[in-house]
């Protein structure tokens, strides 16, 4: 079965272009504003959107009308791209002062989001399609993590999240979750007496570094493979770098994930 991701993207763009309400929507707003019938928009737009548009119209009516007329000309081809830009704006901090005024397309987005959300749906679909091929390539670098003994549902969920972060290009988050999965797996593996001592010593807040220190000092008691602390420490170092020193590269995240999986195999042998 041959799945052509580029073809799917093109089909989605064609579908969204056919149904995009941009030109008519923009022309209607500019015409109502130009002819003094702005108030008619109050029954069409959500209140917060109407208030924003009214404020902008009052500031400069001529520029408002001209801006929407220009937007109508470009909107047919650019509507989905605008929706994608809006997704990006939702993921970043926006300055309250000194920043340029929000572009008109964001005002349209807010108006249409209150209806069927088709623009955001298309934007998300395109975002996810672009992730497919890189995710497939990253998955080829991994093999199943087979262990002899079970750990816990929480450890499985942490590993699942770490792996999916790697697939989707969230490399720093991947390393942070790798550290979490080892913390959880070690806690499940420790003998009850040692576990109580560690909880008391670290006031129920032992980090992976703390746990590895205790494991290294009690290898015989825990029955954990002697190679485990060395591999797990590499995961801990990478996780600390992710938290304190900056974003990780794809290679660093892949190495961290592979080390975490190897450490789990040593721990749960």
C-alpha atoms as a PDB file:
ATOM      1  CA  UNK A   1       0.000   0.000   0.000  1.00  0.00           C
ATOM      2  CA  UNK A   2       1.527   3.276  -1.144  1.00  0.00           C
ATOM      3  CA  UNK A   3       0.492   6.342   0.868  1.00  0.00           C
ATOM      4  CA  UNK A   4       1.500   9.605  -0.780  1.00  0.00           C
ATOM      5  CA  UNK A   5       1.559  12.229   1.985  1.00  0.00           C
ATOM      6  CA  UNK A   6       2.181  15.070  -0.459  1.00  0.00           C
ATOM      7  CA  UNK A   7      -0.881  14.042  -2.443  1.00  0.00           C
ATOM      8  CA  UNK A   8      -2.970  14.037   0.732  1.00  0.00           C
ATOM      9  CA  UNK A   9      -1.743  17.545   1.555  1.00  0.00           C
ATOM     10  CA  UNK A  10      -2.655  18.779  -1.926  1.00  0.00           C
ATOM     11  CA  UNK A  11      -6.109  17.213  -1.700  1.00  0.00           C
ATOM     12  CA  UNK A  12      -6.701  18.823   1.667  1.00  0.00           C
ATOM     13  CA  UNK A  13      -5.633  22.221   0.364  1.00  0.00           C
ATOM     14  CA  UNK A  14      -7.918  21.889  -2.636  1.00  0.00           C
ATOM     15  CA  UNK A  15     -10.867  20.942  -0.416  1.00  0.00           C
ATOM     16  CA  UNK A  16     -10.226  23.804   1.983  1.00  0.00           C
ATOM     17  CA  UNK A  17      -9.825  26.322  -0.852  1.00  0.00           C
ATOM     18  CA  UNK A  18     -13.134  25.307  -2.366  1.00  0.00           C
ATOM     19  CA  UNK A  19     -14.986  25.812   0.904  1.00  0.00           C
ATOM     20  CA  UNK A  20     -13.048  28.792   2.284  1.00  0.00           C
ATOM     21  CA  UNK A  21     -15.504  31.638   2.937  1.00  0.00           C
ATOM     22  CA  UNK A  22     -12.772  34.263   2.805  1.00  0.00           C
ATOM     23  CA  UNK A  23     -13.534  36.499  -0.159  1.00  0.00           C
ATOM     24  CA  UNK A  24     -17.270  36.840   0.425  1.00  0.00           C
ATOM     25  CA  UNK A  25     -16.775  37.249   4.158  1.00  0.00           C
ATOM     26  CA  UNK A  26     -14.183  40.003   3.792  1.00  0.00           C
ATOM     27  CA  UNK A  27     -16.076  41.816   1.073  1.00  0.00           C
ATOM     28  CA  UNK A  28     -19.220  41.789   3.191  1.00  0.00           C
ATOM     29  CA  UNK A  29     -17.432  43.358   6.159  1.00  0.00           C
ATOM     30  CA  UNK A  30     -15.747  46.031   4.028  1.00  0.00           C
ATOM     31  CA  UNK A  31     -19.012  46.888   2.228  1.00  0.00           C
ATOM     32  CA  UNK A  32     -21.050  47.150   5.430  1.00  0.00           C
ATOM     33  CA  UNK A  33     -18.368  49.369   6.951  1.00  0.00           C
ATOM     34  CA  UNK A  34     -18.089  51.517   3.804  1.00  0.00           C
ATOM     35  CA  UNK A  35     -21.845  52.118   3.586  1.00  0.00           C
ATOM     36  CA  UNK A  36     -22.378  52.910   7.247  1.00  0.00           C
ATOM     37  CA  UNK A  37     -24.125  49.630   8.067  1.00  0.00           C
ATOM     38  CA  UNK A  38     -21.482  48.344  10.456  1.00  0.00           C
ATOM     39  CA  UNK A  39     -24.085  47.699  13.173  1.00  0.00           C
ATOM     40  CA  UNK A  40     -25.560  44.854  11.120  1.00  0.00           C
ATOM     41  CA  UNK A  41     -22.476  42.794  11.947  1.00  0.00           C
ATOM     42  CA  UNK A  42     -23.547  42.715  15.590  1.00  0.00           C
ATOM     43  CA  UNK A  43     -26.103  39.995  14.862  1.00  0.00           C
ATOM     44  CA  UNK A  44     -23.597  37.938  12.869  1.00  0.00           C
ATOM     45  CA  UNK A  45     -20.331  38.021  14.814  1.00  0.00           C
ATOM     46  CA  UNK A  46     -19.575  36.908  18.377  1.00  0.00           C
ATOM     47  CA  UNK A  47     -19.682  39.870  20.742  1.00  0.00           C
ATOM     48  CA  UNK A  48     -15.959  39.985  21.463  1.00  0.00           C
ATOM     49  CA  UNK A  49     -15.131  39.926  17.742  1.00  0.00           C
ATOM     50  CA  UNK A  50     -17.668  42.640  16.939  1.00  0.00           C
ATOM     51  CA  UNK A  51     -16.249  44.858  19.692  1.00  0.00           C
ATOM     52  CA  UNK A  52     -12.696  44.471  18.362  1.00  0.00           C
ATOM     53  CA  UNK A  53     -13.724  45.253  14.800  1.00  0.00           C
ATOM     54  CA  UNK A  54     -15.773  48.259  15.898  1.00  0.00           C
ATOM     55  CA  UNK A  55     -12.821  49.638  17.840  1.00  0.00           C
ATOM     56  CA  UNK A  56     -10.542  49.288  14.796  1.00  0.00           C
ATOM     57  CA  UNK A  57     -13.136  50.863  12.517  1.00  0.00           C
ATOM     58  CA  UNK A  58     -13.497  53.878  14.792  1.00  0.00           C
ATOM     59  CA  UNK A  59      -9.734  54.414  14.860  1.00  0.00           C
ATOM     60  CA  UNK A  60      -9.485  54.782  11.051  1.00  0.00           C
ATOM     61  CA  UNK A  61     -12.614  53.979   8.984  1.00  0.00           C
ATOM     62  CA  UNK A  62     -10.928  54.452   5.603  1.00  0.00           C
ATOM     63  CA  UNK A  63      -7.994  52.208   6.467  1.00  0.00           C
ATOM     64  CA  UNK A  64     -10.373  49.631   7.920  1.00  0.00           C
ATOM     65  CA  UNK A  65     -12.407  49.420   4.703  1.00  0.00           C
ATOM     66  CA  UNK A  66      -9.302  49.363   2.490  1.00  0.00           C
ATOM     67  CA  UNK A  67      -7.686  46.684   4.617  1.00  0.00           C
ATOM     68  CA  UNK A  68     -10.656  44.363   4.379  1.00  0.00           C
ATOM     69  CA  UNK A  69     -10.964  44.907   0.643  1.00  0.00           C
ATOM     70  CA  UNK A  70      -7.328  43.944   0.188  1.00  0.00           C
ATOM     71  CA  UNK A  71      -7.771  40.959   2.458  1.00  0.00           C
ATOM     72  CA  UNK A  72     -10.704  39.796   0.344  1.00  0.00           C
ATOM     73  CA  UNK A  73      -8.433  39.604  -2.701  1.00  0.00           C
ATOM     74  CA  UNK A  74      -5.828  37.402  -1.056  1.00  0.00           C
ATOM     75  CA  UNK A  75      -8.034  35.397   1.263  1.00  0.00           C
ATOM     76  CA  UNK A  76      -9.182  32.694  -1.148  1.00  0.00           C
ATOM     77  CA  UNK A  77      -5.685  31.250  -1.474  1.00  0.00           C
ATOM     78  CA  UNK A  78      -4.333  32.212   1.930  1.00  0.00           C
ATOM     79  CA  UNK A  79      -7.068  31.314   4.378  1.00  0.00           C
ATOM     80  CA  UNK A  80      -5.632  28.008   5.565  1.00  0.00           C
ATOM     81  CA  UNK A  81      -2.151  29.477   5.827  1.00  0.00           C
ATOM     82  CA  UNK A  82      -3.615  32.179   8.027  1.00  0.00           C
ATOM     83  CA  UNK A  83      -5.190  29.512  10.194  1.00  0.00           C
ATOM     84  CA  UNK A  84      -1.806  27.857  10.561  1.00  0.00           C
ATOM     85  CA  UNK A  85      -0.235  31.149  11.557  1.00  0.00           C
ATOM     86  CA  UNK A  86      -2.902  31.484  14.202  1.00  0.00           C
ATOM     87  CA  UNK A  87      -1.968  28.060  15.588  1.00  0.00           C
ATOM     88  CA  UNK A  88       1.612  29.282  15.852  1.00  0.00           C
ATOM     89  CA  UNK A  89       0.496  32.427  17.675  1.00  0.00           C
ATOM     90  CA  UNK A  90      -1.293  30.230  20.223  1.00  0.00           C
ATOM     91  CA  UNK A  91       1.969  28.447  21.072  1.00  0.00           C
ATOM     92  CA  UNK A  92       4.031  31.566  21.775  1.00  0.00           C
ATOM     93  CA  UNK A  93       3.932  34.439  24.225  1.00  0.00           C
ATOM     94  CA  UNK A  94       2.374  37.597  22.830  1.00  0.00           C
ATOM     95  CA  UNK A  95       3.394  41.042  24.081  1.00  0.00           C
ATOM     96  CA  UNK A  96       0.578  43.206  25.413  1.00  0.00           C
ATOM     97  CA  UNK A  97       2.393  46.495  24.843  1.00  0.00           C
ATOM     98  CA  UNK A  98       4.477  47.678  21.945  1.00  0.00           C
ATOM     99  CA  UNK A  99       3.375  44.840  19.687  1.00  0.00           C
ATOM    100  CA  UNK A 100       1.780  45.494  16.298  1.00  0.00           C
ATOM    101  CA  UNK A 101      -1.983  45.274  16.051  1.00  0.00           C
ATOM    102  CA  UNK A 102      -3.389  41.834  15.377  1.00  0.00           C
ATOM    103  CA  UNK A 103      -3.804  41.223  11.652  1.00  0.00           C
ATOM    104  CA  UNK A 104      -7.309  41.168  10.250  1.00  0.00           C
ATOM    105  CA  UNK A 105      -7.189  37.461   9.457  1.00  0.00           C
ATOM    106  CA  UNK A 106      -7.073  36.678  13.178  1.00  0.00           C
ATOM    107  CA  UNK A 107     -10.308  38.570  13.627  1.00  0.00           C
ATOM    108  CA  UNK A 108     -11.907  36.463  10.905  1.00  0.00           C
ATOM    109  CA  UNK A 109     -10.565  33.323  12.531  1.00  0.00           C
ATOM    110  CA  UNK A 110     -12.207  34.184  15.831  1.00  0.00           C
ATOM    111  CA  UNK A 111     -15.497  34.838  14.090  1.00  0.00           C
ATOM    112  CA  UNK A 112     -15.434  31.532  12.236  1.00  0.00           C
ATOM    113  CA  UNK A 113     -14.102  29.517  15.172  1.00  0.00           C
ATOM    114  CA  UNK A 114     -17.431  30.076  16.846  1.00  0.00           C
ATOM    115  CA  UNK A 115     -19.122  28.094  14.078  1.00  0.00           C
ATOM    116  CA  UNK A 116     -17.795  24.753  12.777  1.00  0.00           C
ATOM    117  CA  UNK A 117     -14.048  25.259  13.333  1.00  0.00           C
ATOM    118  CA  UNK A 118     -13.303  23.932   9.831  1.00  0.00           C
ATOM    119  CA  UNK A 119     -10.361  26.288   9.348  1.00  0.00           C
ATOM    120  CA  UNK A 120      -8.594  25.174  12.501  1.00  0.00           C
ATOM    121  CA  UNK A 121      -9.433  21.578  11.658  1.00  0.00           C
ATOM    122  CA  UNK A 122      -7.749  21.944   8.271  1.00  0.00           C
ATOM    123  CA  UNK A 123      -4.759  23.731   9.825  1.00  0.00           C
ATOM    124  CA  UNK A 124      -4.242  20.939  12.348  1.00  0.00           C
ATOM    125  CA  UNK A 125      -4.605  18.309   9.624  1.00  0.00           C
ATOM    126  CA  UNK A 126      -1.847  19.955   7.572  1.00  0.00           C
ATOM    127  CA  UNK A 127       0.392  20.287  10.626  1.00  0.00           C
ATOM    128  CA  UNK A 128      -0.004  16.580  11.409  1.00  0.00           C
ATOM    129  CA  UNK A 129       0.500  15.457   7.818  1.00  0.00           C
ATOM    130  CA  UNK A 130       3.857  17.246   7.757  1.00  0.00           C
ATOM    131  CA  UNK A 131       4.908  15.241  10.812  1.00  0.00           C
ATOM    132  CA  UNK A 132       4.238  11.849   9.245  1.00  0.00           C
ATOM    133  CA  UNK A 133       7.364  11.299   7.145  1.00  0.00           C
ATOM    134  CA  UNK A 134       9.869  12.521   9.780  1.00  0.00           C
ATOM    135  CA  UNK A 135       8.067  10.400  12.403  1.00  0.00           C
ATOM    136  CA  UNK A 136       8.260   7.324  10.170  1.00  0.00           C
ATOM    137  CA  UNK A 137      12.004   7.830   9.709  1.00  0.00           C
ATOM    138  CA  UNK A 138      12.561   8.254  13.446  1.00  0.00           C
ATOM    139  CA  UNK A 139      10.578   5.105  14.193  1.00  0.00           C
ATOM    140  CA  UNK A 140      12.964   3.086  12.017  1.00  0.00           C
ATOM    141  CA  UNK A 141      15.747   3.824  14.523  1.00  0.00           C
ATOM    142  CA  UNK A 142      13.914   2.023  17.335  1.00  0.00           C
ATOM    143  CA  UNK A 143      13.099  -1.578  18.150  1.00  0.00           C
ATOM    144  CA  UNK A 144      10.608  -2.953  20.658  1.00  0.00           C
ATOM    145  CA  UNK A 145      11.707  -2.654  24.276  1.00  0.00           C
ATOM    146  CA  UNK A 146      11.369  -6.241  25.535  1.00  0.00           C
ATOM    147  CA  UNK A 147      11.739  -6.822  29.293  1.00  0.00           C
ATOM    148  CA  UNK A 148      11.454  -9.912  31.463  1.00  0.00           C
ATOM    149  CA  UNK A 149       9.464  -8.368  34.329  1.00  0.00           C
ATOM    150  CA  UNK A 150       6.608  -5.827  34.358  1.00  0.00           C
ATOM    151  CA  UNK A 151       6.971  -2.390  35.931  1.00  0.00           C
ATOM    152  CA  UNK A 152       3.829  -0.250  36.324  1.00  0.00           C
ATOM    153  CA  UNK A 153       1.101   1.382  34.299  1.00  0.00           C
ATOM    154  CA  UNK A 154       2.642   4.786  35.044  1.00  0.00           C
ATOM    155  CA  UNK A 155       6.035   3.690  33.690  1.00  0.00           C
ATOM    156  CA  UNK A 156       4.402   2.397  30.516  1.00  0.00           C
ATOM    157  CA  UNK A 157       2.590   5.702  30.038  1.00  0.00           C
ATOM    158  CA  UNK A 158       5.782   7.705  30.595  1.00  0.00           C
ATOM    159  CA  UNK A 159       7.634   5.574  28.047  1.00  0.00           C
ATOM    160  CA  UNK A 160       4.765   5.909  25.586  1.00  0.00           C
ATOM    161  CA  UNK A 161       4.816   9.696  25.948  1.00  0.00           C
ATOM    162  CA  UNK A 162       8.613   9.904  25.685  1.00  0.00           C
ATOM    163  CA  UNK A 163       8.580   7.828  22.505  1.00  0.00           C
ATOM    164  CA  UNK A 164       5.748   9.798  20.897  1.00  0.00           C
ATOM    165  CA  UNK A 165       7.515  13.060  21.741  1.00  0.00           C
ATOM    166  CA  UNK A 166      10.541  11.748  19.868  1.00  0.00           C
ATOM    167  CA  UNK A 167       8.417  10.696  16.889  1.00  0.00           C
ATOM    168  CA  UNK A 168       6.772  14.126  16.700  1.00  0.00           C
ATOM    169  CA  UNK A 169       9.971  16.147  17.024  1.00  0.00           C
ATOM    170  CA  UNK A 170       9.553  17.308  20.637  1.00  0.00           C
ATOM    171  CA  UNK A 171      13.084  16.334  21.557  1.00  0.00           C
ATOM    172  CA  UNK A 172      13.505  18.231  24.815  1.00  0.00           C
ATOM    173  CA  UNK A 173      10.201  16.900  26.149  1.00  0.00           C
ATOM    174  CA  UNK A 174      11.312  13.401  25.129  1.00  0.00           C
ATOM    175  CA  UNK A 175      14.401  13.611  27.351  1.00  0.00           C
ATOM    176  CA  UNK A 176      12.408  14.942  30.297  1.00  0.00           C
ATOM    177  CA  UNK A 177       9.962  12.058  30.007  1.00  0.00           C
ATOM    178  CA  UNK A 178      12.813   9.546  29.712  1.00  0.00           C
ATOM    179  CA  UNK A 179      13.998  10.672  33.113  1.00  0.00           C
ATOM    180  CA  UNK A 180      10.479  10.300  34.496  1.00  0.00           C
ATOM    181  CA  UNK A 181      10.088   6.742  33.252  1.00  0.00           C
ATOM    182  CA  UNK A 182      13.294   5.661  34.958  1.00  0.00           C
ATOM    183  CA  UNK A 183      12.299   7.361  38.212  1.00  0.00           C
ATOM    184  CA  UNK A 184       9.009   5.480  38.204  1.00  0.00           C
ATOM    185  CA  UNK A 185      10.547   2.140  37.235  1.00  0.00           C
ATOM    186  CA  UNK A 186      13.244   2.364  39.926  1.00  0.00           C
ATOM    187  CA  UNK A 187      10.684   3.148  42.622  1.00  0.00           C
ATOM    188  CA  UNK A 188       8.722   0.051  41.655  1.00  0.00           C
ATOM    189  CA  UNK A 189      11.863  -2.111  41.735  1.00  0.00           C
ATOM    190  CA  UNK A 190      13.273  -1.082  45.133  1.00  0.00           C
ATOM    191  CA  UNK A 191      12.835  -3.377  48.140  1.00  0.00           C
ATOM    192  CA  UNK A 192      10.203  -2.090  50.559  1.00  0.00           C
ATOM    193  CA  UNK A 193      12.664  -1.300  53.359  1.00  0.00           C
ATOM    194  CA  UNK A 194      15.033   0.665  51.141  1.00  0.00           C
ATOM    195  CA  UNK A 195      12.101   2.444  49.543  1.00  0.00           C
ATOM    196  CA  UNK A 196      10.905   3.662  52.949  1.00  0.00           C
ATOM    197  CA  UNK A 197      14.399   4.900  53.836  1.00  0.00           C
ATOM    198  CA  UNK A 198      14.681   6.832  50.577  1.00  0.00           C
ATOM    199  CA  UNK A 199      11.261   8.422  50.999  1.00  0.00           C
ATOM    200  CA  UNK A 200      12.208   9.569  54.492  1.00  0.00           C
ATOM    201  CA  UNK A 201      15.684  10.742  53.502  1.00  0.00           C
ATOM    202  CA  UNK A 202      14.461  12.826  50.565  1.00  0.00           C
ATOM    203  CA  UNK A 203      11.054  13.731  51.996  1.00  0.00           C
ATOM    204  CA  UNK A 204       9.194  11.960  49.202  1.00  0.00           C
ATOM    205  CA  UNK A 205      10.961  14.118  46.598  1.00  0.00           C
ATOM    206  CA  UNK A 206      13.853  11.944  45.426  1.00  0.00           C
ATOM    207  CA  UNK A 207      15.103  12.853  41.958  1.00  0.00           C
ATOM    208  CA  UNK A 208      16.460  10.354  39.459  1.00  0.00           C
ATOM    209  CA  UNK A 209      19.953  11.382  40.544  1.00  0.00           C
ATOM    210  CA  UNK A 210      19.078  10.630  44.175  1.00  0.00           C
ATOM    211  CA  UNK A 211      17.605   7.268  43.261  1.00  0.00           C
ATOM    212  CA  UNK A 212      20.630   6.296  41.178  1.00  0.00           C
ATOM    213  CA  UNK A 213      22.924   7.227  44.041  1.00  0.00           C
ATOM    214  CA  UNK A 214      20.979   4.930  46.374  1.00  0.00           C
ATOM    215  CA  UNK A 215      20.852   2.114  43.826  1.00  0.00           C
ATOM    216  CA  UNK A 216      24.602   2.345  43.225  1.00  0.00           C
ATOM    217  CA  UNK A 217      25.238   2.085  46.970  1.00  0.00           C
ATOM    218  CA  UNK A 218      22.872  -0.868  47.369  1.00  0.00           C
ATOM    219  CA  UNK A 219      23.324  -2.937  44.222  1.00  0.00           C
ATOM    220  CA  UNK A 220      23.491  -6.232  46.072  1.00  0.00           C
ATOM    221  CA  UNK A 221      20.426  -5.444  48.148  1.00  0.00           C
ATOM    222  CA  UNK A 222      18.366  -4.351  45.150  1.00  0.00           C
ATOM    223  CA  UNK A 223      19.541  -7.123  42.851  1.00  0.00           C
ATOM    224  CA  UNK A 224      19.794  -4.621  40.010  1.00  0.00           C
ATOM    225  CA  UNK A 225      22.270  -5.250  37.193  1.00  0.00           C
ATOM    226  CA  UNK A 226      25.595  -3.494  37.836  1.00  0.00           C
ATOM    227  CA  UNK A 227      25.523  -1.935  34.357  1.00  0.00           C
ATOM    228  CA  UNK A 228      22.229  -0.167  35.040  1.00  0.00           C
ATOM    229  CA  UNK A 229      23.491   2.915  36.971  1.00  0.00           C
ATOM    230  CA  UNK A 230      25.946   3.869  34.237  1.00  0.00           C
ATOM    231  CA  UNK A 231      23.341   3.743  31.463  1.00  0.00           C
ATOM    232  CA  UNK A 232      20.680   5.416  33.605  1.00  0.00           C
ATOM    233  CA  UNK A 233      23.082   8.222  34.551  1.00  0.00           C
ATOM    234  CA  UNK A 234      23.458   9.077  30.866  1.00  0.00           C
ATOM    235  CA  UNK A 235      19.676   9.480  30.705  1.00  0.00           C
ATOM    236  CA  UNK A 236      19.729  11.624  33.833  1.00  0.00           C
ATOM    237  CA  UNK A 237      22.483  13.861  32.439  1.00  0.00           C
ATOM    238  CA  UNK A 238      20.576  14.367  29.200  1.00  0.00           C
ATOM    239  CA  UNK A 239      17.362  15.095  31.085  1.00  0.00           C
ATOM    240  CA  UNK A 240      19.094  17.678  33.263  1.00  0.00           C
ATOM    241  CA  UNK A 241      20.538  19.319  30.179  1.00  0.00           C
ATOM    242  CA  UNK A 242      17.045  19.485  28.676  1.00  0.00           C
ATOM    243  CA  UNK A 243      15.663  21.165  31.789  1.00  0.00           C
ATOM    244  CA  UNK A 244      18.506  23.542  32.625  1.00  0.00           C
ATOM    245  CA  UNK A 245      20.700  24.167  29.575  1.00  0.00           C
ATOM    246  CA  UNK A 246      18.454  24.435  26.534  1.00  0.00           C
ATOM    247  CA  UNK A 247      16.734  22.598  23.717  1.00  0.00           C
ATOM    248  CA  UNK A 248      18.044  19.234  22.581  1.00  0.00           C
ATOM    249  CA  UNK A 249      18.850  18.064  19.084  1.00  0.00           C
ATOM    250  CA  UNK A 250      17.221  15.077  17.421  1.00  0.00           C
ATOM    251  CA  UNK A 251      20.371  12.999  17.850  1.00  0.00           C
ATOM    252  CA  UNK A 252      20.552  13.795  21.559  1.00  0.00           C
ATOM    253  CA  UNK A 253      16.913  12.881  22.065  1.00  0.00           C
ATOM    254  CA  UNK A 254      17.293   9.618  20.158  1.00  0.00           C
ATOM    255  CA  UNK A 255      20.351   8.642  22.189  1.00  0.00           C
ATOM    256  CA  UNK A 256      18.552   9.520  25.421  1.00  0.00           C
ATOM    257  CA  UNK A 257      15.519   7.435  24.474  1.00  0.00           C
ATOM    258  CA  UNK A 258      17.642   4.476  23.415  1.00  0.00           C
ATOM    259  CA  UNK A 259      19.571   4.656  26.691  1.00  0.00           C
ATOM    260  CA  UNK A 260      16.332   4.816  28.667  1.00  0.00           C
ATOM    261  CA  UNK A 261      15.032   1.719  26.903  1.00  0.00           C
ATOM    262  CA  UNK A 262      18.324  -0.085  27.488  1.00  0.00           C
ATOM    263  CA  UNK A 263      18.236   0.919  31.169  1.00  0.00           C
ATOM    264  CA  UNK A 264      14.700  -0.476  31.494  1.00  0.00           C
ATOM    265  CA  UNK A 265      15.837  -3.780  30.012  1.00  0.00           C
ATOM    266  CA  UNK A 266      18.667  -3.953  32.562  1.00  0.00           C
ATOM    267  CA  UNK A 267      16.382  -2.960  35.404  1.00  0.00           C
ATOM    268  CA  UNK A 268      13.570  -5.350  34.537  1.00  0.00           C
ATOM    269  CA  UNK A 269      15.643  -8.359  33.537  1.00  0.00           C
END
